[in-house]
Protein backbone atom coordinates (compact mmCIF):
# COMPACT_ATOMS: atom_id res chain seq x y z
CA MET A 1 -72.80 34.32 -24.33
CA ALA A 2 -74.45 37.10 -22.04
CA ARG A 3 -74.55 36.39 -18.48
CA PRO A 4 -78.02 35.52 -16.90
CA LYS A 5 -79.98 38.37 -15.05
CA GLY A 6 -79.41 38.68 -11.41
CA LEU A 7 -75.84 37.64 -11.31
CA PRO A 8 -73.20 39.97 -10.38
CA LYS A 9 -70.97 41.63 -12.58
CA THR A 10 -67.40 39.87 -12.51
CA GLY A 11 -64.12 40.54 -14.18
CA GLY A 12 -63.10 44.02 -15.86
CA ARG A 13 -61.04 46.83 -14.24
CA GLN A 14 -61.76 47.28 -10.45
CA LYS A 15 -63.71 50.26 -9.48
CA GLY A 16 -61.64 53.51 -9.07
CA VAL A 17 -58.50 52.33 -10.90
CA PRO A 18 -57.86 54.92 -13.74
CA ASN A 19 -57.28 53.70 -17.20
CA ARG A 20 -53.44 53.66 -18.25
CA ILE A 21 -53.78 56.78 -20.67
CA ASN A 22 -55.22 59.05 -17.92
CA ARG A 23 -52.72 57.86 -15.42
CA ASP A 24 -49.77 58.35 -17.94
CA LEU A 25 -50.97 61.80 -18.90
CA LYS A 26 -51.56 62.89 -15.14
CA GLU A 27 -48.05 61.68 -14.46
CA MET A 28 -46.55 63.73 -17.49
CA ILE A 29 -48.40 66.72 -16.25
CA LEU A 30 -47.20 66.68 -12.62
CA GLY A 31 -43.69 66.14 -14.05
CA ALA A 32 -43.88 69.03 -16.08
CA LEU A 33 -45.42 71.04 -13.19
CA ASP A 34 -42.53 69.94 -11.02
CA GLN A 35 -39.89 71.01 -13.53
CA ALA A 36 -41.58 74.40 -13.83
CA GLY A 37 -41.18 75.03 -10.14
CA GLY A 38 -44.16 73.62 -8.73
CA VAL A 39 -45.77 75.84 -6.16
CA LYS A 40 -43.70 78.97 -7.09
CA TYR A 41 -44.77 78.46 -10.55
CA LEU A 42 -48.52 78.24 -9.75
CA VAL A 43 -48.34 81.30 -7.44
CA ALA A 44 -46.72 83.16 -10.31
CA GLN A 45 -49.55 82.08 -12.60
CA ALA A 46 -52.22 83.09 -10.12
CA HIS A 47 -50.98 86.60 -10.28
CA ALA A 48 -50.29 86.70 -13.97
CA LYS A 49 -53.46 84.99 -15.23
CA PRO A 50 -55.98 84.79 -12.29
CA GLN A 51 -58.94 83.59 -14.58
CA ALA A 52 -56.88 80.73 -15.87
CA PHE A 53 -55.87 79.95 -12.29
CA LEU A 54 -59.14 79.97 -10.91
CA ALA A 55 -60.47 77.74 -13.51
CA LEU A 56 -57.85 75.10 -12.71
CA VAL A 57 -58.88 75.46 -8.99
CA GLY A 58 -62.44 75.09 -9.88
CA ARG A 59 -61.43 71.84 -11.70
CA VAL A 60 -59.32 70.35 -8.76
CA LEU A 61 -61.82 71.13 -5.92
CA PRO A 62 -64.51 68.56 -5.04
CA MET A 63 -67.83 69.20 -6.37
CA THR A 64 -69.74 68.41 -3.10
CA VAL A 65 -68.90 69.57 0.47
CA ALA A 66 -69.56 66.98 3.06
CA SER A 67 -70.31 68.21 6.67
CA ASP A 68 -69.58 66.43 9.78
CA PRO A 69 -73.08 65.77 11.58
CA GLU A 70 -71.53 66.49 14.83
CA ASN A 71 -69.99 69.82 13.57
CA PRO A 72 -72.32 71.03 10.76
CA LEU A 73 -71.29 73.43 8.14
CA LEU A 74 -73.14 76.51 8.57
CA THR A 75 -73.71 79.05 5.65
CA GLY A 76 -75.09 82.58 5.51
CA ILE A 77 -76.18 85.10 3.14
CA THR A 78 -75.48 88.86 4.10
CA VAL A 79 -77.65 91.52 2.19
CA THR A 80 -76.51 95.24 2.17
CA LEU A 81 -78.84 97.76 0.97
CA VAL A 82 -77.31 100.71 -0.41
CA GLN A 83 -79.12 104.21 -1.00
CA PRO A 84 -78.47 105.57 -4.55
CA GLU A 85 -76.86 108.88 -4.50
CA HIS A 86 -79.05 111.74 -5.93
CA PRO A 87 -77.18 114.74 -7.54
CA ASP A 88 -78.21 117.95 -6.08
CA PRO A 89 -80.46 119.98 -8.48
């Protein structure tokens, strides 16, 4: 029987708890990284395969950047105008 409307959800997995397969897979990946050399291995991969390494970095960095209201994050854009070189006639 479905719960009546307006009642809060009860039961189930707690918010933020990964399922067992994801948790186990993450542990295996971290174990393999440790056996491969950890940070030294990642540095070597950054030099050998920068495209793949940057894809990894993009996946592990947070998607949003939060700013402290008392110390705001400032951004800026710099535009450089370059005159095209004309060959001498």
